[in-house]
Amino acid sequence: MKIKVAASIVSLALLAGCGTRPAGQSLYPVSTDIQGQAAPAQVQAAAASQQVGSIEILFSGGQYTTQATSADVASLQVTVTPSSGSPITQTVSKGANAEIDNIPVGTASLSVIALDSNNNNIGTATQSGISVVAGQVTPVNLSLQLDPTVVAGGPQTGGVAINVNLIDGATVSATPAPSPSPSASPTPSSGSNSFSDGFENGFANWNASFQRASYSSGPTTPSSDWAATTAAAKTGSYSANAGNQSGNVYDPGTYYMTYASTINTSAMANPTLTFDFENFVPQYYFKTTAFSVETSTDGQNWTQAWQASSEQDTWAHQVVNLPVASQVYFRFAFQYDYYLGSDYMNAPYVDNVLASDGGN
């Protein structure tokens, strides 16, 4: 499928002199013969730096019927760059005539940009080495090829009448974006629309990290951290826990279990994170803990989305709302504080993690 664009040739006339052609002066095409001829006497009398010329751009209208397509040409932006002096630019509406004056004699380059109704560049033509001879007109013929046009379906044709030869650009078929290939759960893919993990295949979908409590003199690497374990499970044989096989941590600080990829919730009506957990004890004498879920849309700035409010010694099901974004990060945070040193404390087990639209 193509957008057919038809037009006649634009005549770009470079007229030397003082911006006008002397009465009765002959107009010559550019050639090696005419370039060697002497300029008229009245032009020779002027200093070379004061000799200027013009470009006449003549348009004709009403020759074609133009359909409303994204590639319609509404105007031309014409720029003349002389060998000496600054570029001269003028934008001309389709069907109108224009003249660019005061172009120094010598050589010049020409650029014509086709613009649509929104002033988007949809095609460019250039020519360099154009001779501007004092007292003469240099005709310039250009062919302007439109940029490629994506055609969504059905034949579309149209035309423009701007006295420029418009050559169709390549036609690119609009191909729908491929649907994401399904991946075997629980292996995640960056920006996937849902995710589930019961830890039956290990801990590969997660990153474990530890931040030692500021008051603690204990190690920066804890004696235990988040990992898959068979010590407890809501379903199957595995869950995740920050402690050892007894479900206990030893070193004060915050233990993070961060999903290694992201979730795309931008098209979800009710993005949620659900999971099961148990073995959470918020306080035991001088030992205190906190268990929460944190979310982020950039992986750097985190917001607490949920926090456990009471002791949980049996499995409980929890639903947490997720933000709507193209990339959502989430992590579990278990904080253990003990200002008297280091000692063992219960750490929660987590199982059946599900991030989806309206999960329950």
Protein backbone atom coordinates (compact mmCIF):
# COMPACT_ATOMS: atom_id res chain seq x y z
CA MET A 1 0.00 0.00 0.00
CA LYS A 2 1.27 3.50 -0.85
CA ILE A 3 0.27 7.09 -0.45
CA LYS A 4 0.53 8.41 -4.01
CA VAL A 5 1.72 12.00 -4.10
CA ALA A 6 1.81 13.91 -7.38
CA ALA A 7 2.92 17.42 -8.24
CA SER A 8 4.71 19.42 -10.87
CA ILE A 9 8.26 20.76 -10.73
CA VAL A 10 8.98 23.85 -8.66
CA SER A 11 10.95 26.57 -10.40
CA LEU A 12 13.35 28.20 -8.00
CA ALA A 13 14.72 31.24 -9.78
CA LEU A 14 17.84 32.92 -8.44
CA LEU A 15 17.79 36.46 -9.78
CA ALA A 16 20.89 38.61 -9.43
CA GLY A 17 20.93 42.39 -9.52
CA CYS A 18 19.33 44.60 -6.90
CA GLY A 19 16.48 42.26 -6.17
CA THR A 20 14.70 42.91 -9.49
CA ARG A 21 15.38 42.06 -13.12
CA PRO A 22 16.14 45.05 -15.45
CA ALA A 23 13.51 45.63 -18.10
CA GLY A 24 14.27 43.77 -21.30
CA GLN A 25 17.05 41.73 -19.71
CA SER A 26 17.29 38.24 -21.21
CA LEU A 27 17.00 35.23 -18.89
CA TYR A 28 19.57 32.51 -19.48
CA PRO A 29 19.70 28.95 -18.19
CA VAL A 30 22.73 27.94 -16.18
CA SER A 31 25.50 26.59 -18.41
CA THR A 32 29.24 26.85 -18.83
CA ASP A 33 28.62 29.23 -21.71
CA ILE A 34 26.44 31.72 -19.85
CA GLN A 35 28.56 31.58 -16.71
CA GLY A 36 31.47 32.84 -18.75
CA GLN A 37 29.63 35.91 -20.06
CA ALA A 38 30.14 39.33 -18.55
CA ALA A 39 27.40 40.82 -16.35
CA PRO A 40 25.49 43.85 -17.62
CA ALA A 41 27.22 47.20 -17.22
CA GLN A 42 24.83 48.51 -14.61
CA VAL A 43 25.63 45.51 -12.43
CA GLN A 44 29.37 45.70 -13.00
CA ALA A 45 29.32 49.25 -11.73
CA ALA A 46 28.24 48.07 -8.27
CA ALA A 47 30.74 46.74 -5.77
CA ALA A 48 30.84 42.96 -5.70
CA SER A 49 29.82 42.91 -2.03
CA GLN A 50 26.67 44.89 -2.91
CA GLN A 51 25.46 42.61 -5.70
CA VAL A 52 22.50 40.55 -4.66
CA GLY A 53 19.96 38.28 -6.27
CA SER A 54 16.58 36.76 -5.59
CA ILE A 55 14.87 33.38 -5.53
CA GLU A 56 11.38 33.28 -6.98
CA ILE A 57 9.19 30.34 -5.85
CA LEU A 58 6.06 29.94 -7.96
CA PHE A 59 3.25 27.62 -6.90
CA SER A 60 0.18 26.51 -8.75
CA GLY A 61 -2.99 25.19 -7.14
CA GLY A 62 -6.16 23.34 -7.98
CA GLN A 63 -4.50 20.73 -10.17
CA TYR A 64 -5.00 17.81 -7.84
CA THR A 65 -7.44 16.52 -5.30
CA THR A 66 -5.72 15.77 -1.99
CA GLN A 67 -7.13 13.25 0.45
CA ALA A 68 -6.69 13.89 4.16
CA THR A 69 -3.76 11.68 5.09
CA SER A 70 -0.97 12.03 7.63
CA ALA A 71 1.51 12.75 4.85
CA ASP A 72 -0.30 15.74 3.27
CA VAL A 73 2.02 18.65 2.55
CA ALA A 74 0.71 21.96 3.91
CA SER A 75 3.71 24.22 3.31
CA LEU A 76 7.34 24.39 2.21
CA GLN A 77 10.18 25.79 4.28
CA VAL A 78 12.77 27.15 1.84
CA THR A 79 16.27 28.03 3.04
CA VAL A 80 18.91 29.63 0.79
CA THR A 81 22.47 29.65 2.13
CA PRO A 82 24.79 31.90 0.08
CA SER A 83 28.53 31.39 -0.02
CA SER A 84 28.85 34.70 1.83
CA GLY A 85 26.28 35.96 4.27
CA SER A 86 23.68 34.38 6.53
CA PRO A 87 21.05 31.79 5.51
CA ILE A 88 17.69 33.15 4.40
CA THR A 89 14.58 31.14 5.35
CA GLN A 90 10.97 31.55 4.33
CA THR A 91 7.94 29.30 4.87
CA VAL A 92 5.41 29.29 2.03
CA SER A 93 1.89 27.89 2.19
CA LYS A 94 0.84 25.44 -0.48
CA GLY A 95 -0.66 27.28 -3.46
CA ALA A 96 1.01 30.62 -2.62
CA ASN A 97 3.88 32.40 -4.38
CA ALA A 98 6.94 33.81 -2.63
CA GLU A 99 10.19 35.59 -3.42
CA ILE A 100 13.37 35.65 -1.36
CA ASP A 101 15.40 38.81 -2.04
CA ASN A 102 18.92 40.09 -1.47
CA ILE A 103 20.99 36.98 -2.13
CA PRO A 104 24.69 37.81 -2.69
CA VAL A 105 26.12 36.72 -6.03
CA GLY A 106 28.39 33.71 -6.11
CA THR A 107 27.28 30.23 -5.20
CA ALA A 108 24.43 29.18 -2.93
CA SER A 109 22.87 26.03 -1.54
CA LEU A 110 19.15 25.37 -1.32
CA SER A 111 17.09 23.33 1.18
CA VAL A 112 13.36 22.70 0.80
CA ILE A 113 11.49 21.00 3.68
CA ALA A 114 7.94 19.71 3.20
CA LEU A 115 5.77 20.35 6.28
CA ASP A 116 2.41 18.85 7.15
CA SER A 117 -0.44 20.72 8.86
CA ASN A 118 1.22 20.18 12.26
CA ASN A 119 4.54 21.56 11.02
CA ASN A 120 6.13 18.11 11.04
CA ASN A 121 9.00 17.52 8.61
CA ILE A 122 7.79 14.89 6.13
CA GLY A 123 10.46 15.25 3.48
CA THR A 124 13.56 17.25 2.56
CA ALA A 125 15.33 18.11 -0.69
CA THR A 126 18.67 19.91 -1.00
CA GLN A 127 20.92 21.17 -3.74
CA SER A 128 24.31 22.85 -3.51
CA GLY A 129 26.66 24.62 -5.87
CA ILE A 130 23.95 26.81 -7.40
CA SER A 131 25.45 29.72 -9.34
CA VAL A 132 24.01 33.15 -8.67
CA VAL A 133 25.11 35.31 -11.65
CA ALA A 134 24.63 39.07 -11.54
CA GLY A 135 21.72 40.18 -13.69
CA GLN A 136 20.63 36.66 -14.64
CA VAL A 137 18.12 34.08 -13.44
CA THR A 138 19.32 30.59 -12.53
CA PRO A 139 16.51 28.02 -12.72
CA VAL A 140 16.67 25.19 -10.19
CA ASN A 141 14.62 21.99 -10.52
CA LEU A 142 14.22 19.82 -7.42
CA SER A 143 12.64 16.46 -6.68
CA LEU A 144 11.49 16.01 -3.08
CA GLN A 145 10.91 12.50 -1.75
CA LEU A 146 8.47 12.17 1.12
CA ASP A 147 9.43 10.22 4.22
CA PRO A 148 8.11 6.66 4.70
CA THR A 149 4.46 6.52 5.72
CA VAL A 150 2.98 3.80 7.96
CA VAL A 151 -0.26 2.57 6.40
CA ALA A 152 -2.66 0.92 8.82
CA GLY A 153 -4.83 -0.71 6.16
CA GLY A 154 -6.74 -0.12 2.93
CA PRO A 155 -5.44 1.85 -0.05
CA GLN A 156 -4.87 5.55 0.57
CA THR A 157 -4.08 7.98 -2.22
CA GLY A 158 -3.64 11.70 -2.39
CA GLY A 159 -1.77 14.46 -4.13
CA VAL A 160 -0.30 17.88 -3.64
CA ALA A 161 0.06 20.80 -6.03
CA ILE A 162 3.12 22.70 -4.91
CA ASN A 163 5.26 22.67 -8.05
CA VAL A 164 7.71 20.23 -6.50
CA ASN A 165 8.10 16.67 -7.74
CA LEU A 166 7.09 14.52 -4.79
CA ILE A 167 8.29 10.93 -4.94
CA ASP A 168 6.58 8.39 -2.69
CA GLY A 169 8.61 7.23 0.25
CA ALA A 170 8.78 3.58 1.16
CA THR A 171 5.55 2.13 2.58
CA VAL A 172 5.90 0.39 5.92
CA SER A 173 3.14 -2.02 6.95
CA ALA A 174 1.87 -1.44 10.46
CA THR A 175 2.55 -4.65 12.33
CA PRO A 176 0.90 -5.17 15.74
CA ALA A 177 3.32 -5.53 18.61
CA PRO A 178 3.82 -9.21 19.42
CA SER A 179 2.14 -10.50 22.52
CA PRO A 180 4.59 -11.36 25.29
CA SER A 181 5.53 -15.02 25.22
CA PRO A 182 4.40 -16.92 28.27
CA SER A 183 7.19 -17.96 30.59
CA ALA A 184 7.24 -20.90 32.89
CA SER A 185 6.38 -19.93 36.44
CA PRO A 186 8.09 -18.92 38.60
CA THR A 187 10.88 -17.55 36.37
CA PRO A 188 10.27 -13.76 36.05
CA SER A 189 10.84 -11.50 33.09
CA SER A 190 11.52 -7.78 33.38
CA GLY A 191 8.29 -5.81 33.42
CA SER A 192 6.04 -8.89 33.34
CA ASN A 193 2.34 -8.46 34.11
CA SER A 194 2.16 -11.00 36.94
CA PHE A 195 4.39 -13.16 39.11
CA SER A 196 4.00 -16.09 41.49
CA ASP A 197 6.48 -18.06 43.57
CA GLY A 198 6.03 -20.78 46.17
CA PHE A 199 9.83 -21.28 46.50
CA GLU A 200 9.53 -24.88 45.32
CA ASN A 201 12.21 -24.12 42.70
CA GLY A 202 14.54 -22.32 45.09
CA PHE A 203 15.39 -18.67 45.70
CA ALA A 204 16.52 -17.60 42.19
CA ASN A 205 13.74 -14.98 41.81
CA TRP A 206 14.91 -12.98 44.82
CA ASN A 207 17.83 -10.96 46.17
CA ALA A 208 18.67 -11.13 49.88
CA SER A 209 20.41 -8.20 51.59
CA PHE A 210 21.13 -7.08 55.15
CA GLN A 211 21.53 -3.66 56.78
CA ARG A 212 23.13 -3.84 60.21
CA ALA A 213 21.46 -1.80 62.96
CA SER A 214 23.22 1.53 63.48
CA TYR A 215 23.85 0.87 67.17
CA SER A 216 25.12 -2.69 66.65
CA SER A 217 28.77 -3.71 66.69
CA GLY A 218 27.88 -7.05 65.09
CA PRO A 219 28.96 -8.23 61.64
CA THR A 220 27.87 -6.49 58.43
CA THR A 221 27.20 -9.94 56.97
CA PRO A 222 24.62 -11.73 59.12
CA SER A 223 24.94 -15.32 60.28
CA SER A 224 21.70 -16.08 58.35
CA ASP A 225 19.69 -14.35 55.62
CA TRP A 226 16.61 -14.85 53.45
CA ALA A 227 16.63 -18.20 51.62
CA ALA A 228 14.32 -21.05 50.64
CA THR A 229 13.79 -23.49 53.48
CA THR A 230 11.95 -26.75 54.26
CA ALA A 231 11.53 -25.82 57.93
CA ALA A 232 7.91 -24.75 57.25
CA ALA A 233 5.53 -24.38 54.30
CA LYS A 234 1.91 -23.38 53.76
CA THR A 235 1.73 -25.47 50.58
CA GLY A 236 4.32 -27.72 49.00
CA SER A 237 7.60 -28.32 50.79
CA TYR A 238 9.29 -24.91 50.77
CA SER A 239 8.89 -21.35 52.02
CA ALA A 240 11.31 -18.46 52.57
CA ASN A 241 12.80 -17.35 55.87
CA ALA A 242 15.58 -14.99 57.00
CA GLY A 243 16.72 -17.27 59.80
CA ASN A 244 18.37 -20.64 60.10
CA GLN A 245 16.51 -23.95 59.87
CA SER A 246 14.93 -23.19 63.24
CA GLY A 247 13.46 -19.95 61.85
CA ASN A 248 15.56 -17.64 64.03
CA VAL A 249 17.82 -14.66 63.24
CA TYR A 250 20.74 -13.67 65.47
CA ASP A 251 22.14 -10.30 64.35
CA PRO A 252 20.22 -7.01 64.90
CA GLY A 253 19.40 -5.18 61.66
CA THR A 254 17.00 -5.28 58.70
CA TYR A 255 16.76 -8.35 56.47
CA TYR A 256 15.45 -7.59 52.94
CA MET A 257 14.02 -10.09 50.43
CA THR A 258 13.65 -8.14 47.13
CA TYR A 259 11.97 -9.43 43.97
CA ALA A 260 14.76 -9.56 41.37
CA SER A 261 12.64 -8.16 38.51
CA THR A 262 9.64 -5.82 38.21
CA ILE A 263 5.89 -6.03 37.63
CA ASN A 264 4.05 -3.96 35.03
CA THR A 265 0.79 -2.86 36.66
CA SER A 266 -0.02 0.03 34.30
CA ALA A 267 -2.98 -1.81 32.73
CA MET A 268 -4.26 -3.40 35.95
CA ALA A 269 -7.50 -2.28 37.59
CA ASN A 270 -6.54 -3.60 41.05
CA PRO A 271 -2.83 -4.54 41.27
CA THR A 272 -2.17 -6.52 44.43
CA LEU A 273 0.49 -8.58 46.16
CA THR A 274 -0.72 -11.56 48.19
CA PHE A 275 1.24 -14.03 50.35
CA ASP A 276 1.03 -16.32 53.36
CA PHE A 277 3.18 -15.86 56.50
CA GLU A 278 3.64 -17.20 60.03
CA ASN A 279 6.14 -17.25 62.95
CA PHE A 280 6.05 -13.50 63.52
CA VAL A 281 6.65 -12.30 67.11
CA PRO A 282 6.76 -8.49 67.43
CA GLN A 283 8.34 -8.48 70.93
CA TYR A 284 10.01 -10.82 73.38
CA TYR A 285 11.32 -9.07 76.50
CA PHE A 286 13.93 -6.57 75.20
CA LYS A 287 13.86 -7.92 71.65
CA THR A 288 11.55 -6.24 69.11
CA THR A 289 10.78 -6.93 65.46
CA ALA A 290 8.81 -5.47 62.56
CA PHE A 291 7.67 -7.20 59.36
CA SER A 292 6.55 -5.16 56.35
CA VAL A 293 6.19 -4.95 52.56
CA GLU A 294 7.77 -2.03 50.71
CA THR A 295 7.20 -0.90 47.09
CA SER A 296 9.02 1.38 44.65
CA THR A 297 8.62 2.60 41.07
CA ASP A 298 12.31 3.39 40.53
CA GLY A 299 14.13 0.81 42.67
CA GLN A 300 15.67 3.59 44.78
CA ASN A 301 12.90 5.26 46.78
CA TRP A 302 10.81 2.83 48.83
CA THR A 303 7.40 3.25 50.46
CA GLN A 304 5.94 1.02 53.15
CA ALA A 305 2.76 -0.58 51.72
CA TRP A 306 1.91 -2.84 54.68
CA GLN A 307 3.17 -3.78 58.16
CA ALA A 308 2.21 -6.66 60.42
CA SER A 309 0.34 -5.42 63.49
CA SER A 310 0.22 -8.44 65.79
CA GLU A 311 1.82 -11.77 66.60
CA GLN A 312 1.19 -14.53 64.05
CA ASP A 313 2.04 -18.08 65.11
CA THR A 314 -0.14 -19.80 62.46
CA TRP A 315 -0.35 -19.26 58.73
CA ALA A 316 -2.19 -16.07 57.72
CA HIS A 317 -3.08 -14.76 54.25
CA GLN A 318 -2.29 -11.12 53.46
CA VAL A 319 -3.33 -8.81 50.56
CA VAL A 320 -1.27 -5.67 49.84
CA ASN A 321 -2.11 -3.01 47.24
CA LEU A 322 0.57 -2.24 44.64
CA PRO A 323 1.08 1.10 42.84
CA VAL A 324 0.05 1.50 39.20
CA ALA A 325 3.20 1.92 37.08
CA SER A 326 5.05 0.34 34.19
CA GLN A 327 7.71 -0.91 36.61
CA VAL A 328 6.89 -1.83 40.20
CA TYR A 329 9.53 -3.15 42.58
CA PHE A 330 8.60 -4.83 45.86
CA ARG A 331 10.40 -6.38 48.82
CA PHE A 332 9.80 -7.96 52.24
CA ALA A 333 11.58 -6.29 55.16
CA PHE A 334 12.14 -7.96 58.54
CA GLN A 335 13.67 -5.67 61.17
CA TYR A 336 15.16 -7.08 64.37
CA ASP A 337 16.32 -4.85 67.23
CA TYR A 338 18.15 -5.91 70.40
CA TYR A 339 20.14 -3.18 72.11
CA LEU A 340 21.86 -5.53 74.56
CA GLY A 341 23.92 -7.33 71.89
CA SER A 342 23.07 -10.32 69.72
CA ASP A 343 20.67 -13.16 70.45
CA TYR A 344 18.20 -15.40 68.65
CA MET A 345 14.73 -14.17 67.66
CA ASN A 346 11.87 -15.63 65.61
CA ALA A 347 11.78 -14.63 61.91
CA PRO A 348 8.63 -14.99 59.77
CA TYR A 349 8.16 -17.62 57.06
CA VAL A 350 6.73 -16.43 53.71
CA ASP A 351 5.01 -18.66 51.13
CA ASN A 352 2.80 -18.46 48.00
CA VAL A 353 3.78 -14.97 46.80
CA LEU A 354 1.50 -13.70 44.02
CA ALA A 355 1.55 -10.32 42.26
CA SER A 356 -1.39 -9.89 39.84
CA ASP A 357 -4.52 -7.94 38.98
CA GLY A 358 -6.98 -8.46 41.82
CA GLY A 359 -5.10 -11.37 43.40
CA ASN A 360 -6.64 -12.96 46.47
